[in-house]
């Protein structure tokens, strides 16, 4: 793997030299946009909406519409607005991971200790494991300040880039049933809890879940390439025999018991 950032973790007065690596990669099949008529590749152009002519990259600037007029920004303006350049992931505080709503999680990365940083890396990892906490920090990547957490995962120290609070949309306009105004019967809650228990494995294994879309799409591509006719499967619609919540829960539990019997 190729490092995308190198610097250090600032842990008090301890500097831990590290490198950052992307932890994820796209698994999607690369598709090309073509003209329907002759299958020629589609080329994108930058068109001036007033003249209809193509504009060269060197003649393109960025602007922000302010009070009806565009304020044009140049490289110097972006430089002035950029955070102070630093090659340090500055740890600000330590928190329980459960205190962070997953809605703030953005992009995961791997951290590798650079030469000379192995012992300090291991120390921070084991200290976080013992404390049962994650480190909240900030760092600058590509002129943008980022919020992140550092968390231990086995022998690895991982970094998860976080969204800032202002990036999270307010959901107050949505019609959400209030826990104070919605009445849940004790029997319904007991049945729902039983269903959760039934679907709780002894040990969770996320690797059993596979993204089958690309596999099926590849099969379809190969079939079409060989001249085979491909049929479209009909979408299945789940239907319940009753609209009564208790009856639906009971039926769900009964179906689950039947599956467990077949599996055993």
Protein backbone atom coordinates (compact mmCIF):
# COMPACT_ATOMS: atom_id res chain seq x y z
CA UNK A 1 0.00 0.00 0.00
CA UNK A 2 1.05 3.57 -0.60
CA UNK A 3 0.96 6.13 2.23
CA UNK A 4 -1.25 9.18 1.60
CA UNK A 5 0.07 11.29 4.51
CA UNK A 6 3.06 11.21 6.80
CA UNK A 7 3.68 13.11 10.00
CA UNK A 8 3.38 12.47 13.73
CA UNK A 9 0.84 11.97 16.50
CA UNK A 10 1.16 14.58 19.24
CA UNK A 11 0.54 12.69 22.51
CA UNK A 12 1.37 15.25 25.20
CA UNK A 13 5.06 15.99 24.67
CA UNK A 14 5.52 12.63 22.92
CA UNK A 15 5.73 12.72 19.12
CA UNK A 16 4.95 9.42 17.38
CA UNK A 17 6.05 9.41 13.70
CA UNK A 18 3.40 7.70 11.57
CA UNK A 19 2.11 7.18 8.03
CA UNK A 20 -1.56 7.15 7.01
CA UNK A 21 -2.95 4.57 4.58
CA UNK A 22 -6.45 4.29 3.09
CA UNK A 23 -8.35 1.48 4.81
CA UNK A 24 -11.01 1.05 2.12
CA UNK A 25 -11.21 0.67 -1.64
CA UNK A 26 -14.02 0.64 -4.16
CA UNK A 27 -15.21 -2.77 -5.33
CA UNK A 28 -17.50 -1.47 -8.07
CA UNK A 29 -17.10 -2.50 -11.70
CA UNK A 30 -15.70 0.36 -13.79
CA UNK A 31 -18.23 1.30 -16.46
CA UNK A 32 -17.65 3.70 -19.37
CA UNK A 33 -20.24 6.19 -20.63
CA UNK A 34 -20.93 5.66 -24.35
CA UNK A 35 -23.03 7.22 -27.07
CA UNK A 36 -26.12 5.00 -27.52
CA UNK A 37 -25.92 5.28 -31.32
CA UNK A 38 -22.34 4.15 -32.05
CA UNK A 39 -20.85 3.29 -28.63
CA UNK A 40 -18.25 6.07 -28.91
CA UNK A 41 -16.78 7.33 -25.63
CA UNK A 42 -18.37 10.43 -24.12
CA UNK A 43 -16.01 13.38 -23.56
CA UNK A 44 -16.79 16.11 -21.03
CA UNK A 45 -16.31 19.74 -21.97
CA UNK A 46 -16.29 22.94 -19.94
CA UNK A 47 -18.80 25.17 -21.70
CA UNK A 48 -19.40 28.90 -21.16
CA UNK A 49 -23.19 29.15 -20.71
CA UNK A 50 -23.28 32.61 -22.33
CA UNK A 51 -21.15 32.00 -25.44
CA UNK A 52 -21.59 28.24 -25.81
CA UNK A 53 -17.83 27.92 -26.35
CA UNK A 54 -15.44 25.55 -24.59
CA UNK A 55 -13.25 27.12 -21.88
CA UNK A 56 -9.64 26.00 -21.26
CA UNK A 57 -8.63 24.98 -17.74
CA UNK A 58 -6.19 27.93 -17.54
CA UNK A 59 -9.08 30.36 -18.02
CA UNK A 60 -11.30 28.91 -15.28
CA UNK A 61 -11.50 30.58 -11.86
CA UNK A 62 -13.61 29.84 -8.77
CA UNK A 63 -16.16 32.21 -7.31
CA UNK A 64 -18.86 32.50 -4.67
CA UNK A 65 -22.19 34.21 -5.35
CA UNK A 66 -22.60 36.88 -2.70
CA UNK A 67 -25.59 39.26 -2.75
CA UNK A 68 -26.23 38.55 -6.42
CA UNK A 69 -22.65 39.02 -7.61
CA UNK A 70 -19.74 36.58 -7.89
CA UNK A 71 -16.70 37.15 -5.69
CA UNK A 72 -13.75 35.57 -7.52
CA UNK A 73 -11.11 33.78 -5.42
CA UNK A 74 -7.52 33.07 -6.44
CA UNK A 75 -4.86 30.73 -5.05
CA UNK A 76 -3.62 33.37 -2.59
CA UNK A 77 -7.11 33.70 -1.11
CA UNK A 78 -7.35 29.95 -0.52
CA UNK A 79 -3.87 30.02 1.03
CA UNK A 80 -4.91 32.76 3.47
CA UNK A 81 -8.02 30.82 4.52
CA UNK A 82 -6.15 27.54 4.98
CA UNK A 83 -5.41 26.33 8.52
CA UNK A 84 -1.85 26.60 9.79
CA UNK A 85 0.16 23.95 8.01
CA UNK A 86 1.18 21.13 10.33
CA UNK A 87 2.29 17.53 10.00
CA UNK A 88 0.91 16.60 13.41
CA UNK A 89 -2.24 14.80 14.47
CA UNK A 90 -2.81 16.84 17.62
CA UNK A 91 -4.67 14.85 20.29
CA UNK A 92 -7.10 17.21 22.04
CA UNK A 93 -8.91 14.89 24.48
CA UNK A 94 -9.90 11.31 25.25
CA UNK A 95 -13.51 10.07 25.32
CA UNK A 96 -15.55 6.88 25.55
CA UNK A 97 -16.18 5.66 21.99
CA UNK A 98 -19.84 5.17 22.89
CA UNK A 99 -20.12 8.94 23.44
CA UNK A 100 -19.67 9.46 19.68
CA UNK A 101 -22.76 9.04 17.53
CA UNK A 102 -21.81 6.95 14.43
CA UNK A 103 -23.39 9.69 12.28
CA UNK A 104 -20.15 11.63 12.77
CA UNK A 105 -17.98 8.83 11.33
CA UNK A 106 -16.66 9.59 7.85
CA UNK A 107 -13.60 7.77 6.46
CA UNK A 108 -11.40 5.09 8.08
CA UNK A 109 -7.62 4.93 7.71
CA UNK A 110 -4.76 2.72 8.92
CA UNK A 111 -1.84 4.16 10.87
CA UNK A 112 1.63 2.63 10.59
CA UNK A 113 4.52 3.73 12.82
CA UNK A 114 7.41 5.27 10.92
CA UNK A 115 10.98 4.24 11.74
CA UNK A 116 11.76 4.96 15.38
CA UNK A 117 8.12 5.30 16.41
CA UNK A 118 7.29 1.64 17.08
CA UNK A 119 7.51 1.67 20.91
CA UNK A 120 5.59 4.94 21.32
CA UNK A 121 2.96 3.68 18.84
CA UNK A 122 2.54 0.47 20.86
CA UNK A 123 2.39 2.46 24.11
CA UNK A 124 -0.45 4.68 22.89
CA UNK A 125 -2.31 1.67 21.48
CA UNK A 126 -2.09 -0.28 24.74
CA UNK A 127 -2.90 2.78 26.88
CA UNK A 128 -6.08 3.35 24.85
CA UNK A 129 -7.01 -0.32 25.17
CA UNK A 130 -6.50 -0.25 28.94
CA UNK A 131 -8.42 3.02 29.37
CA UNK A 132 -11.20 1.82 27.04
CA UNK A 133 -11.15 5.19 25.29
CA UNK A 134 -10.42 6.82 21.93
CA UNK A 135 -8.36 9.92 21.24
CA UNK A 136 -10.02 12.93 19.61
CA UNK A 137 -7.66 15.00 17.50
CA UNK A 138 -7.23 17.34 14.57
CA UNK A 139 -4.88 17.32 11.58
CA UNK A 140 -4.44 19.09 8.25
CA UNK A 141 -4.64 17.13 5.00
CA UNK A 142 -4.64 18.79 1.57
CA UNK A 143 -5.02 22.30 3.10
CA UNK A 144 -8.17 21.28 5.02
CA UNK A 145 -8.43 20.82 8.76
CA UNK A 146 -9.91 17.49 9.78
CA UNK A 147 -11.42 16.15 12.96
CA UNK A 148 -10.64 12.53 13.82
CA UNK A 149 -10.43 9.81 16.43
CA UNK A 150 -7.59 7.37 17.00
CA UNK A 151 -8.76 3.95 18.14
CA UNK A 152 -7.04 0.61 18.78
CA UNK A 153 -8.07 -2.38 16.68
CA UNK A 154 -6.04 -5.46 17.56
CA UNK A 155 -2.39 -4.51 16.99
CA UNK A 156 -3.45 -1.64 14.75
CA UNK A 157 -4.00 2.00 15.59
CA UNK A 158 -6.74 3.20 13.29
CA UNK A 159 -7.80 6.73 12.42
CA UNK A 160 -11.40 7.59 11.58
CA UNK A 161 -12.02 11.01 10.06
CA UNK A 162 -15.08 12.61 11.65
CA UNK A 163 -17.65 15.03 10.30
CA UNK A 164 -17.90 18.37 12.08
CA UNK A 165 -21.14 19.07 13.95
CA UNK A 166 -22.17 21.72 11.38
CA UNK A 167 -22.10 19.06 8.65
CA UNK A 168 -24.90 17.07 10.30
CA UNK A 169 -28.37 18.00 9.08
CA UNK A 170 -31.14 18.85 11.52
CA UNK A 171 -33.99 16.31 11.43
CA UNK A 172 -36.58 18.42 13.29
CA UNK A 173 -38.65 18.81 10.09
CA UNK A 174 -39.17 15.05 9.87
CA UNK A 175 -42.30 13.43 11.25
CA UNK A 176 -40.70 11.27 13.97
CA UNK A 177 -42.98 9.58 16.56
CA UNK A 178 -42.23 10.98 20.02
CA UNK A 179 -41.31 8.45 22.72
CA UNK A 180 -43.48 10.47 25.12
CA UNK A 181 -46.56 10.52 22.88
CA UNK A 182 -46.32 7.03 21.35
CA UNK A 183 -47.74 4.24 23.48
CA UNK A 184 -45.94 0.90 23.29
CA UNK A 185 -47.65 -2.00 25.01
CA UNK A 186 -45.47 -4.03 27.42
CA UNK A 187 -46.36 -7.25 25.58
CA UNK A 188 -45.25 -5.71 22.25
CA UNK A 189 -41.96 -4.55 23.75
CA UNK A 190 -41.36 -8.00 25.27
CA UNK A 191 -42.07 -9.70 21.93
CA UNK A 192 -39.82 -7.25 20.01
CA UNK A 193 -37.01 -7.84 22.53
CA UNK A 194 -37.44 -11.60 22.11
CA UNK A 195 -37.11 -11.18 18.32
CA UNK A 196 -33.89 -9.17 18.81
CA UNK A 197 -32.52 -11.92 21.09
CA UNK A 198 -33.43 -14.56 18.52
CA UNK A 199 -31.53 -12.72 15.77
CA UNK A 200 -28.47 -12.03 17.96
CA UNK A 201 -25.59 -14.41 17.04
CA UNK A 202 -23.18 -15.79 19.62
CA UNK A 203 -20.39 -14.13 17.67
CA UNK A 204 -20.85 -11.50 14.94
CA UNK A 205 -18.98 -12.16 11.69
CA UNK A 206 -19.34 -9.31 9.20
CA UNK A 207 -17.45 -11.25 6.48
CA UNK A 208 -20.52 -13.42 5.85
CA UNK A 209 -22.23 -10.40 4.28
CA UNK A 210 -21.21 -10.05 0.63
CA UNK A 211 -21.93 -7.37 -1.95
CA UNK A 212 -23.38 -9.62 -4.67
CA UNK A 213 -24.43 -6.84 -7.06
CA UNK A 214 -21.08 -6.62 -8.90
CA UNK A 215 -20.86 -10.43 -9.16
CA UNK A 216 -24.32 -10.62 -10.71
CA UNK A 217 -23.56 -7.67 -12.99
CA UNK A 218 -20.38 -9.38 -14.21
CA UNK A 219 -22.34 -12.57 -14.95
CA UNK A 220 -24.81 -10.48 -16.95
CA UNK A 221 -21.99 -8.78 -18.88
CA UNK A 222 -20.42 -12.14 -19.75
CA UNK A 223 -23.80 -13.54 -20.79
CA UNK A 224 -24.56 -10.57 -23.05
CA UNK A 225 -21.06 -10.73 -24.54
CA UNK A 226 -21.65 -14.37 -25.50
CA UNK A 227 -25.03 -13.53 -27.06
CA UNK A 228 -27.20 -15.13 -24.37
CA UNK A 229 -30.60 -13.66 -23.56
CA UNK A 230 -30.84 -12.25 -20.06
CA UNK A 231 -34.14 -12.19 -18.19
CA UNK A 232 -34.94 -9.59 -15.52
CA UNK A 233 -35.93 -11.12 -12.16
CA UNK A 234 -39.19 -9.88 -10.70
CA UNK A 235 -38.94 -7.84 -7.51
CA UNK A 236 -40.28 -9.69 -4.49
CA UNK A 237 -42.78 -7.93 -2.26
CA UNK A 238 -43.08 -8.96 1.38
CA UNK A 239 -46.69 -9.38 2.47
CA UNK A 240 -47.95 -9.85 6.00
CA UNK A 241 -51.18 -11.67 6.73
CA UNK A 242 -52.24 -9.11 9.34
CA UNK A 243 -51.68 -5.46 10.21
CA UNK A 244 -51.76 -6.22 13.95
CA UNK A 245 -48.32 -5.49 15.41
CA UNK A 246 -48.44 -8.29 18.01
CA UNK A 247 -49.44 -10.85 15.38
CA UNK A 248 -46.62 -9.72 13.08
CA UNK A 249 -44.07 -10.04 15.89
CA UNK A 250 -45.35 -13.50 16.85
CA UNK A 251 -45.23 -14.65 13.20
CA UNK A 252 -41.66 -13.30 12.93
CA UNK A 253 -40.61 -15.26 16.01
CA UNK A 254 -42.24 -18.43 14.68
CA UNK A 255 -40.44 -18.06 11.32
CA UNK A 256 -37.14 -17.61 13.16
CA UNK A 257 -37.70 -20.78 15.18
CA UNK A 258 -38.39 -22.70 11.98
CA UNK A 259 -35.11 -21.48 10.45
CA UNK A 260 -33.16 -22.51 13.54
CA UNK A 261 -34.69 -26.01 13.40
CA UNK A 262 -33.68 -26.39 9.73
CA UNK A 263 -30.17 -25.14 10.48
CA UNK A 264 -29.72 -27.61 13.33
